[in-house]
Amino acid sequence: TDERKMERQLIADYENTVAELLETLTEDNHDLAVKIASIPEQIRGYGHVKEEHIEKARTCEEDLLGAWRSTTGTRAAA
């Protein structure tokens, strides 16, 4: 189903995000890394409820990853 495809994509995206965090993780940015890595915990529910949570989580992730990248000097993966 489309929902399962989306869930599999979320897993792949999470793995890529964690890999990016690990590449530039330091003691100074550890707390921010934990916040970013914890974002999927916000995704709950089924159907339209889950879709709403995913959108909120993506917005939060964009903001936090923007902060991460500005402090580490990295850019988004292509």
PDB file of N, CA and C in Angstrom:
ATOM      1  N   THR A   1       0.837  -1.195   0.000  1.00  0.00           N
ATOM      2  CA  THR A   1       0.000   0.000   0.000  1.00  0.00           C
ATOM      3  C   THR A   1       0.876   1.250   0.000  1.00  0.00           C
ATOM      4  N   ASP A   2       0.267   2.369  -0.290  1.00  0.00           N
ATOM      5  CA  ASP A   2       1.006   3.630  -0.281  1.00  0.00           C
ATOM      6  C   ASP A   2       1.527   3.962   1.114  1.00  0.00           C
ATOM      7  N   GLU A   3       0.732   3.616   2.130  1.00  0.00           N
ATOM      8  CA  GLU A   3       1.162   3.896   3.502  1.00  0.00           C
ATOM      9  C   GLU A   3       2.410   3.092   3.854  1.00  0.00           C
ATOM     10  N   ARG A   4       2.464   1.856   3.455  1.00  0.00           N
ATOM     11  CA  ARG A   4       3.653   1.022   3.726  1.00  0.00           C
ATOM     12  C   ARG A   4       4.867   1.549   2.976  1.00  0.00           C
ATOM     13  N   LYS A   5       4.676   1.998   1.742  1.00  0.00           N
ATOM     14  CA  LYS A   5       5.788   2.584   0.979  1.00  0.00           C
ATOM     15  C   LYS A   5       6.327   3.807   1.697  1.00  0.00           C
ATOM     16  N   MET A   6       5.408   4.637   2.207  1.00  0.00           N
ATOM     17  CA  MET A   6       5.810   5.828   2.933  1.00  0.00           C
ATOM     18  C   MET A   6       6.584   5.448   4.199  1.00  0.00           C
ATOM     19  N   GLU A   7       6.120   4.432   4.899  1.00  0.00           N
ATOM     20  CA  GLU A   7       6.800   3.987   6.111  1.00  0.00           C
ATOM     21  C   GLU A   7       8.208   3.486   5.804  1.00  0.00           C
ATOM     22  N   ARG A   8       8.353   2.753   4.722  1.00  0.00           N
ATOM     23  CA  ARG A   8       9.690   2.272   4.339  1.00  0.00           C
ATOM     24  C   ARG A   8      10.600   3.444   3.978  1.00  0.00           C
ATOM     25  N   GLN A   9      10.036   4.459   3.320  1.00  0.00           N
ATOM     26  CA  GLN A   9      10.820   5.641   2.972  1.00  0.00           C
ATOM     27  C   GLN A   9      11.227   6.408   4.231  1.00  0.00           C
ATOM     28  N   LEU A  10      10.339   6.470   5.209  1.00  0.00           N
ATOM     29  CA  LEU A  10      10.672   7.135   6.468  1.00  0.00           C
ATOM     30  C   LEU A  10      11.856   6.449   7.146  1.00  0.00           C
ATOM     31  N   ILE A  11      11.880   5.136   7.091  1.00  0.00           N
ATOM     32  CA  ILE A  11      12.994   4.384   7.683  1.00  0.00           C
ATOM     33  C   ILE A  11      14.293   4.708   6.958  1.00  0.00           C
ATOM     34  N   ALA A  12      14.267   4.705   5.645  1.00  0.00           N
ATOM     35  CA  ALA A  12      15.468   5.018   4.861  1.00  0.00           C
ATOM     36  C   ALA A  12      15.930   6.447   5.134  1.00  0.00           C
ATOM     37  N   ASP A  13      14.985   7.380   5.202  1.00  0.00           N
ATOM     38  CA  ASP A  13      15.334   8.773   5.486  1.00  0.00           C
ATOM     39  C   ASP A  13      15.966   8.903   6.866  1.00  0.00           C
ATOM     40  N   TYR A  14      15.415   8.183   7.839  1.00  0.00           N
ATOM     41  CA  TYR A  14      15.955   8.216   9.196  1.00  0.00           C
ATOM     42  C   TYR A  14      17.385   7.671   9.227  1.00  0.00           C
ATOM     43  N   GLU A  15      17.608   6.579   8.544  1.00  0.00           N
ATOM     44  CA  GLU A  15      18.958   6.005   8.496  1.00  0.00           C
ATOM     45  C   GLU A  15      19.947   6.990   7.889  1.00  0.00           C
ATOM     46  N   ASN A  16      19.542   7.689   6.837  1.00  0.00           N
ATOM     47  CA  ASN A  16      20.414   8.687   6.215  1.00  0.00           C
ATOM     48  C   ASN A  16      20.677   9.856   7.153  1.00  0.00           C
ATOM     49  N   THR A  17      19.653  10.279   7.869  1.00  0.00           N
ATOM     50  CA  THR A  17      19.815  11.388   8.810  1.00  0.00           C
ATOM     51  C   THR A  17      20.778  11.010   9.925  1.00  0.00           C
ATOM     52  N   VAL A  18      20.610   9.828  10.486  1.00  0.00           N
ATOM     53  CA  VAL A  18      21.499   9.385  11.561  1.00  0.00           C
ATOM     54  C   VAL A  18      22.936   9.268  11.052  1.00  0.00           C
ATOM     55  N   ALA A  19      23.111   8.779   9.843  1.00  0.00           N
ATOM     56  CA  ALA A  19      24.458   8.694   9.271  1.00  0.00           C
ATOM     57  C   ALA A  19      25.077  10.086   9.161  1.00  0.00           C
ATOM     58  N   GLU A  20      24.285  11.062   8.727  1.00  0.00           N
ATOM     59  CA  GLU A  20      24.788  12.439   8.636  1.00  0.00           C
ATOM     60  C   GLU A  20      25.168  12.969  10.017  1.00  0.00           C
ATOM     61  N   LEU A  21      24.341  12.703  11.011  1.00  0.00           N
ATOM     62  CA  LEU A  21      24.630  13.171  12.365  1.00  0.00           C
ATOM     63  C   LEU A  21      25.927  12.563  12.887  1.00  0.00           C
ATOM     64  N   LEU A  22      26.103  11.280  12.652  1.00  0.00           N
ATOM     65  CA  LEU A  22      27.288  10.594  13.165  1.00  0.00           C
ATOM     66  C   LEU A  22      28.580  11.100  12.534  1.00  0.00           C
ATOM     67  N   GLU A  23      28.489  11.565  11.285  1.00  0.00           N
ATOM     68  CA  GLU A  23      29.686  12.057  10.601  1.00  0.00           C
ATOM     69  C   GLU A  23      30.282  13.286  11.274  1.00  0.00           C
ATOM     70  N   THR A  24      29.435  14.106  11.889  1.00  0.00           N
ATOM     71  CA  THR A  24      29.920  15.369  12.456  1.00  0.00           C
ATOM     72  C   THR A  24      29.540  15.526  13.926  1.00  0.00           C
ATOM     73  N   LEU A  25      29.253  14.436  14.588  1.00  0.00           N
ATOM     74  CA  LEU A  25      28.860  14.467  15.992  1.00  0.00           C
ATOM     75  C   LEU A  25      30.039  14.851  16.881  1.00  0.00           C
ATOM     76  N   THR A  26      29.791  15.789  17.774  1.00  0.00           N
ATOM     77  CA  THR A  26      30.784  16.184  18.771  1.00  0.00           C
ATOM     78  C   THR A  26      30.083  16.292  20.124  1.00  0.00           C
ATOM     79  N   GLU A  27      30.868  16.487  21.150  1.00  0.00           N
ATOM     80  CA  GLU A  27      30.295  16.689  22.476  1.00  0.00           C
ATOM     81  C   GLU A  27      29.424  17.947  22.500  1.00  0.00           C
ATOM     82  N   ASP A  28      29.828  18.957  21.748  1.00  0.00           N
ATOM     83  CA  ASP A  28      29.102  20.228  21.736  1.00  0.00           C
ATOM     84  C   ASP A  28      27.742  20.143  21.050  1.00  0.00           C
ATOM     85  N   ASN A  29      27.591  19.276  20.052  1.00  0.00           N
ATOM     86  CA  ASN A  29      26.315  19.215  19.334  1.00  0.00           C
ATOM     87  C   ASN A  29      25.511  17.946  19.661  1.00  0.00           C
ATOM     88  N   HIS A  30      25.936  17.237  20.671  1.00  0.00           N
ATOM     89  CA  HIS A  30      25.273  15.992  21.056  1.00  0.00           C
ATOM     90  C   HIS A  30      23.792  16.192  21.374  1.00  0.00           C
ATOM     91  N   ASP A  31      23.459  17.213  22.156  1.00  0.00           N
ATOM     92  CA  ASP A  31      22.061  17.430  22.537  1.00  0.00           C
ATOM     93  C   ASP A  31      21.174  17.671  21.318  1.00  0.00           C
ATOM     94  N   LEU A  32      21.674  18.445  20.366  1.00  0.00           N
ATOM     95  CA  LEU A  32      20.913  18.696  19.144  1.00  0.00           C
ATOM     96  C   LEU A  32      20.747  17.405  18.342  1.00  0.00           C
ATOM     97  N   ALA A  33      21.787  16.586  18.304  1.00  0.00           N
ATOM     98  CA  ALA A  33      21.703  15.306  17.594  1.00  0.00           C
ATOM     99  C   ALA A  33      20.628  14.413  18.211  1.00  0.00           C
ATOM    100  N   VAL A  34      20.549  14.405  19.529  1.00  0.00           N
ATOM    101  CA  VAL A  34      19.531  13.597  20.210  1.00  0.00           C
ATOM    102  C   VAL A  34      18.135  14.106  19.861  1.00  0.00           C
ATOM    103  N   LYS A  35      17.958  15.426  19.828  1.00  0.00           N
ATOM    104  CA  LYS A  35      16.655  15.993  19.453  1.00  0.00           C
ATOM    105  C   LYS A  35      16.268  15.568  18.038  1.00  0.00           C
ATOM    106  N   ILE A  36      17.222  15.646  17.126  1.00  0.00           N
ATOM    107  CA  ILE A  36      16.943  15.276  15.736  1.00  0.00           C
ATOM    108  C   ILE A  36      16.623  13.787  15.634  1.00  0.00           C
ATOM    109  N   ALA A  37      17.421  12.971  16.288  1.00  0.00           N
ATOM    110  CA  ALA A  37      17.219  11.523  16.215  1.00  0.00           C
ATOM    111  C   ALA A  37      15.913  11.087  16.880  1.00  0.00           C
ATOM    112  N   SER A  38      15.377  11.911  17.768  1.00  0.00           N
ATOM    113  CA  SER A  38      14.140  11.575  18.477  1.00  0.00           C
ATOM    114  C   SER A  38      12.876  11.986  17.730  1.00  0.00           C
ATOM    115  N   ILE A  39      13.015  12.712  16.656  1.00  0.00           N
ATOM    116  CA  ILE A  39      11.851  13.222  15.924  1.00  0.00           C
ATOM    117  C   ILE A  39      10.866  12.117  15.521  1.00  0.00           C
ATOM    118  N   PRO A  40      11.309  10.951  15.067  1.00  0.00           N
ATOM    119  CA  PRO A  40      10.333   9.919  14.673  1.00  0.00           C
ATOM    120  C   PRO A  40       9.385   9.491  15.796  1.00  0.00           C
ATOM    121  N   GLU A  41       9.751   9.746  17.038  1.00  0.00           N
ATOM    122  CA  GLU A  41       8.862   9.408  18.148  1.00  0.00           C
ATOM    123  C   GLU A  41       7.559  10.204  18.088  1.00  0.00           C
ATOM    124  N   GLN A  42       7.554  11.302  17.337  1.00  0.00           N
ATOM    125  CA  GLN A  42       6.358  12.138  17.199  1.00  0.00           C
ATOM    126  C   GLN A  42       5.359  11.547  16.205  1.00  0.00           C
ATOM    127  N   ILE A  43       5.787  10.584  15.418  1.00  0.00           N
ATOM    128  CA  ILE A  43       4.934  10.036  14.358  1.00  0.00           C
ATOM    129  C   ILE A  43       4.129   8.871  14.921  1.00  0.00           C
ATOM    130  N   ARG A  44       2.820   9.110  15.033  1.00  0.00           N
ATOM    131  CA  ARG A  44       1.925   8.097  15.591  1.00  0.00           C
ATOM    132  C   ARG A  44       0.634   8.066  14.805  1.00  0.00           C
ATOM    133  N   GLY A  45      -0.129   7.031  15.021  1.00  0.00           N
ATOM    134  CA  GLY A  45      -1.458   6.951  14.434  1.00  0.00           C
ATOM    135  C   GLY A  45      -1.486   6.238  13.095  1.00  0.00           C
ATOM    136  N   TYR A  46      -2.649   6.341  12.470  1.00  0.00           N
ATOM    137  CA  TYR A  46      -2.891   5.702  11.179  1.00  0.00           C
ATOM    138  C   TYR A  46      -3.584   6.696  10.263  1.00  0.00           C
ATOM    139  N   GLY A  47      -3.453   6.471   8.979  1.00  0.00           N
ATOM    140  CA  GLY A  47      -4.165   7.274   7.995  1.00  0.00           C
ATOM    141  C   GLY A  47      -3.859   8.753   8.082  1.00  0.00           C
ATOM    142  N   HIS A  48      -4.918   9.563   8.069  1.00  0.00           N
ATOM    143  CA  HIS A  48      -4.728  11.014   8.051  1.00  0.00           C
ATOM    144  C   HIS A  48      -4.078  11.537   9.326  1.00  0.00           C
ATOM    145  N   VAL A  49      -4.288  10.857  10.449  1.00  0.00           N
ATOM    146  CA  VAL A  49      -3.649  11.269  11.704  1.00  0.00           C
ATOM    147  C   VAL A  49      -2.136  11.105  11.584  1.00  0.00           C
ATOM    148  N   LYS A  50      -1.712   9.984  11.053  1.00  0.00           N
ATOM    149  CA  LYS A  50      -0.287   9.734  10.870  1.00  0.00           C
ATOM    150  C   LYS A  50       0.310  10.729   9.882  1.00  0.00           C
ATOM    151  N   GLU A  51      -0.418  11.022   8.815  1.00  0.00           N
ATOM    152  CA  GLU A  51       0.067  11.984   7.822  1.00  0.00           C
ATOM    153  C   GLU A  51       0.293  13.355   8.447  1.00  0.00           C
ATOM    154  N   GLU A  52      -0.611  13.784   9.335  1.00  0.00           N
ATOM    155  CA  GLU A  52      -0.447  15.064  10.025  1.00  0.00           C
ATOM    156  C   GLU A  52       0.800  15.049  10.897  1.00  0.00           C
ATOM    157  N   HIS A  53       1.017  13.958  11.611  1.00  0.00           N
ATOM    158  CA  HIS A  53       2.198  13.847  12.465  1.00  0.00           C
ATOM    159  C   HIS A  53       3.478  13.831  11.632  1.00  0.00           C
ATOM    160  N   ILE A  54       3.431  13.194  10.485  1.00  0.00           N
ATOM    161  CA  ILE A  54       4.599  13.162   9.603  1.00  0.00           C
ATOM    162  C   ILE A  54       4.936  14.565   9.122  1.00  0.00           C
ATOM    163  N   GLU A  55       3.940  15.330   8.740  1.00  0.00           N
ATOM    164  CA  GLU A  55       4.188  16.702   8.273  1.00  0.00           C
ATOM    165  C   GLU A  55       4.794  17.554   9.379  1.00  0.00           C
ATOM    166  N   LYS A  56       4.267  17.435  10.594  1.00  0.00           N
ATOM    167  CA  LYS A  56       4.819  18.188  11.727  1.00  0.00           C
ATOM    168  C   LYS A  56       6.256  17.751  12.005  1.00  0.00           C
ATOM    169  N   ALA A  57       6.500  16.447  11.944  1.00  0.00           N
ATOM    170  CA  ALA A  57       7.842  15.927  12.196  1.00  0.00           C
ATOM    171  C   ALA A  57       8.818  16.410  11.127  1.00  0.00           C
ATOM    172  N   ARG A  58       8.388  16.436   9.878  1.00  0.00           N
ATOM    173  CA  ARG A  58       9.260  16.904   8.792  1.00  0.00           C
ATOM    174  C   ARG A  58       9.619  18.376   8.968  1.00  0.00           C
ATOM    175  N   THR A  59       8.647  19.184   9.368  1.00  0.00           N
ATOM    176  CA  THR A  59       8.911  20.603   9.603  1.00  0.00           C
ATOM    177  C   THR A  59       9.919  20.775  10.733  1.00  0.00           C
ATOM    178  N   CYS A  60       9.721  20.043  11.802  1.00  0.00           N
ATOM    179  CA  CYS A  60      10.644  20.092  12.934  1.00  0.00           C
ATOM    180  C   CYS A  60      12.032  19.633  12.506  1.00  0.00           C
ATOM    181  N   GLU A  61      12.089  18.554  11.739  1.00  0.00           N
ATOM    182  CA  GLU A  61      13.367  18.028  11.272  1.00  0.00           C
ATOM    183  C   GLU A  61      14.089  19.032  10.375  1.00  0.00           C
ATOM    184  N   GLU A  62      13.361  19.679   9.485  1.00  0.00           N
ATOM    185  CA  GLU A  62      13.974  20.680   8.610  1.00  0.00           C
ATOM    186  C   GLU A  62      14.607  21.798   9.427  1.00  0.00           C
ATOM    187  N   ASP A  63      13.883  22.267  10.441  1.00  0.00           N
ATOM    188  CA  ASP A  63      14.395  23.346  11.284  1.00  0.00           C
ATOM    189  C   ASP A  63      15.643  22.908  12.047  1.00  0.00           C
ATOM    190  N   LEU A  64      15.563  21.743  12.680  1.00  0.00           N
ATOM    191  CA  LEU A  64      16.692  21.276  13.487  1.00  0.00           C
ATOM    192  C   LEU A  64      17.889  20.892  12.620  1.00  0.00           C
ATOM    193  N   LEU A  65      17.638  20.269  11.466  1.00  0.00           N
ATOM    194  CA  LEU A  65      18.752  19.937  10.573  1.00  0.00           C
ATOM    195  C   LEU A  65      19.388  21.199  10.004  1.00  0.00           C
ATOM    196  N   GLY A  66      18.586  22.225   9.785  1.00  0.00           N
ATOM    197  CA  GLY A  66      19.140  23.504   9.343  1.00  0.00           C
ATOM    198  C   GLY A  66      20.096  24.060  10.380  1.00  0.00           C
ATOM    199  N   ALA A  67      19.692  23.987  11.643  1.00  0.00           N
ATOM    200  CA  ALA A  67      20.566  24.437  12.730  1.00  0.00           C
ATOM    201  C   ALA A  67      21.820  23.569  12.799  1.00  0.00           C
ATOM    202  N   TRP A  68      21.643  22.265  12.645  1.00  0.00           N
ATOM    203  CA  TRP A  68      22.774  21.328  12.682  1.00  0.00           C
ATOM    204  C   TRP A  68      23.786  21.658  11.584  1.00  0.00           C
ATOM    205  N   ARG A  69      23.267  21.805  10.389  1.00  0.00           N
ATOM    206  CA  ARG A  69      24.147  22.048   9.241  1.00  0.00           C
ATOM    207  C   ARG A  69      24.835  23.398   9.332  1.00  0.00           C
ATOM    208  N   SER A  70      24.177  24.378   9.919  1.00  0.00           N
ATOM    209  CA  SER A  70      24.817  25.689  10.040  1.00  0.00           C
ATOM    210  C   SER A  70      25.934  25.661  11.080  1.00  0.00           C
ATOM    211  N   THR A  71      25.816  24.801  12.086  1.00  0.00           N
ATOM    212  CA  THR A  71      26.868  24.730  13.102  1.00  0.00           C
ATOM    213  C   THR A  71      27.995  23.781  12.706  1.00  0.00           C
ATOM    214  N   THR A  72      27.701  22.835  11.818  1.00  0.00           N
ATOM    215  CA  THR A  72      28.739  21.876  11.427  1.00  0.00           C
ATOM    216  C   THR A  72      29.345  22.190  10.069  1.00  0.00           C
ATOM    217  N   GLY A  73      28.750  23.120   9.356  1.00  0.00           N
ATOM    218  CA  GLY A  73      29.265  23.483   8.034  1.00  0.00           C
ATOM    219  C   GLY A  73      28.953  22.459   6.963  1.00  0.00           C
ATOM    220  N   THR A  74      27.945  21.621   7.204  1.00  0.00           N
ATOM    221  CA  THR A  74      27.561  20.620   6.199  1.00  0.00           C
ATOM    222  C   THR A  74      26.337  21.108   5.442  1.00  0.00           C
ATOM    223  N   ARG A  75      26.082  20.462   4.319  1.00  0.00           N
ATOM    224  CA  ARG A  75      24.908  20.790   3.510  1.00  0.00           C
ATOM    225  C   ARG A  75      24.069  19.549   3.335  1.00  0.00           C
ATOM    226  N   ALA A  76      22.853  19.752   2.921  1.00  0.00           N
ATOM    227  CA  ALA A  76      21.929  18.638   2.705  1.00  0.00           C
ATOM    228  C   ALA A  76      22.473  17.695   1.648  1.00  0.00           C
ATOM    229  N   ALA A  77      22.212  16.419   1.853  1.00  0.00           N
ATOM    230  CA  ALA A  77      22.624  15.418   0.865  1.00  0.00           C
ATOM    231  C   ALA A  77      21.797  15.599  -0.396  1.00  0.00           C
ATOM    232  N   ALA A  78      22.413  15.349  -1.533  1.00  0.00           N
ATOM    233  CA  ALA A  78      21.707  15.520  -2.814  1.00  0.00           C
ATOM    234  C   ALA A  78      20.756  14.389  -3.079  1.00  0.00           C
TER     235      ALA A  78
END
